[in-house]
Protein backbone atom coordinates (compact mmCIF):
# COMPACT_ATOMS: atom_id res chain seq x y z
CA MET A 1 -11.49 21.18 81.18
CA GLU A 2 -9.28 21.17 78.08
CA PRO A 3 -10.12 24.77 77.01
CA ILE A 4 -9.56 26.03 80.55
CA ALA A 5 -6.27 24.16 80.88
CA ALA A 6 -5.10 25.51 77.51
CA GLU A 7 -5.93 29.09 78.53
CA VAL A 8 -4.20 28.74 81.89
CA ASN A 9 -1.18 27.05 80.29
CA GLU A 10 -0.67 30.14 78.09
CA GLN A 11 -0.12 32.17 81.26
CA ILE A 12 2.23 29.89 83.20
CA SER A 13 5.59 28.21 82.76
CA GLU A 14 5.83 24.91 80.90
CA ARG A 15 6.95 23.22 84.12
CA GLU A 16 3.61 24.18 85.72
CA HIS A 17 1.36 23.23 82.79
CA LEU A 18 -1.94 21.61 83.59
CA VAL A 19 -2.62 18.15 82.20
CA PRO A 20 -6.36 17.42 82.11
CA HIS A 21 -7.53 13.83 82.53
CA ASP A 22 -11.09 12.82 81.65
CA ARG A 23 -12.27 10.32 84.20
CA THR A 24 -15.86 10.27 82.91
CA ARG A 25 -15.27 6.94 81.19
CA VAL A 26 -13.69 5.46 84.31
CA THR A 27 -16.59 6.65 86.47
CA ARG A 28 -19.12 4.99 84.16
CA LEU A 29 -17.26 1.69 84.25
CA THR A 30 -16.82 1.48 87.99
CA GLN A 31 -19.24 0.98 90.82
CA ARG A 32 -20.96 4.12 92.02
CA PRO A 33 -19.14 5.40 95.12
CA SER A 34 -21.03 5.59 98.36
CA PHE A 35 -22.23 9.05 99.33
CA ASP A 36 -23.63 9.97 102.71
CA PRO A 37 -24.55 13.67 103.06
CA SER A 38 -24.81 13.29 106.83
CA SER A 39 -21.17 12.20 107.01
CA PRO A 40 -18.67 15.00 107.70
CA THR A 41 -16.74 13.94 104.58
CA GLY A 42 -19.79 13.13 102.43
CA GLY A 43 -18.68 9.57 101.85
CA THR A 44 -15.77 8.08 100.00
CA SER A 45 -15.11 10.71 97.35
CA SER A 46 -16.40 14.15 96.41
CA LEU A 47 -15.68 13.24 92.79
CA GLY A 48 -18.55 10.75 93.01
CA LEU A 49 -21.10 13.54 93.54
CA GLY A 50 -21.68 13.80 89.79
CA GLY A 51 -23.42 10.45 89.94
CA PHE A 52 -25.90 11.79 92.47
CA MET A 53 -26.45 15.34 91.22
CA PRO A 54 -27.50 15.66 87.57
CA GLY A 55 -25.54 18.31 85.70
CA LEU A 56 -22.73 18.47 88.26
CA VAL A 57 -19.26 17.90 86.88
CA PRO A 58 -16.79 17.41 89.73
CA VAL A 59 -13.30 18.73 89.09
CA LEU A 60 -10.18 17.81 91.03
CA VAL A 61 -7.20 20.11 90.69
CA GLU A 62 -4.06 18.73 92.22
CA MET A 63 -1.03 20.94 92.62
CA GLY A 64 2.33 20.30 94.07
CA ARG A 65 5.53 20.46 92.17
CA GLN A 66 8.71 19.69 93.99
CA ASN A 67 10.18 22.85 95.53
CA GLN A 68 7.07 24.89 94.71
CA HIS A 69 6.02 27.28 97.47
CA GLN A 70 2.53 27.02 98.87
CA SER A 71 1.90 30.64 97.84
CA ARG A 72 2.55 29.71 94.19
CA ARG A 73 0.23 26.70 94.39
CA THR A 74 -2.42 29.02 95.81
CA GLU A 75 -1.89 31.50 92.95
CA LEU A 76 -2.30 28.69 90.42
CA HIS A 77 -5.52 27.47 92.04
CA GLN A 78 -6.92 31.01 91.96
CA LEU A 79 -5.93 31.40 88.30
CA ILE A 80 -7.70 28.16 87.41
CA VAL A 81 -10.88 29.16 89.25
CA ARG A 82 -10.94 32.66 87.70
CA THR A 83 -10.38 31.20 84.24
CA ALA A 84 -13.14 28.61 84.72
CA LEU A 85 -15.59 31.26 85.96
CA GLN A 86 -14.76 33.50 82.98
CA HIS A 87 -15.11 30.57 80.62
CA GLU A 88 -18.60 29.88 82.00
CA GLY A 89 -19.60 33.58 81.80
CA MET A 90 -19.80 33.93 85.57
CA LEU A 91 -16.96 36.45 85.85
CA THR A 92 -15.83 39.20 83.52
CA ALA A 93 -12.18 39.67 82.68
C-alpha cells in the first residue's frame, strides 16, 4: 500500500494524506477470525478473508475528516481505487 499511498498523496492536500498501516504482523499474532460465507456479513471481519484465501490481501480504506463532504470522500475512494488498479497494471492511465 505504501507506493499507492505515496502516489495518491502527491495529488491531494496534506490534510487528506493517506497513512498506510501494515496489519499483517497483527493478523499473524492474533487468532484467526471466524468466517462464515453463508452469513450475510461473512463473519466477524472482511479483513480476515486473507487467512482463508491464499494470495488475497484485504485492504481497508477509511475516510472521514471533520467537515469533509461525502462527495469528497467518494472522490478520494475513487482516486485510491484507480491508482491501485493502475499500479497493478489492470487499468491504463
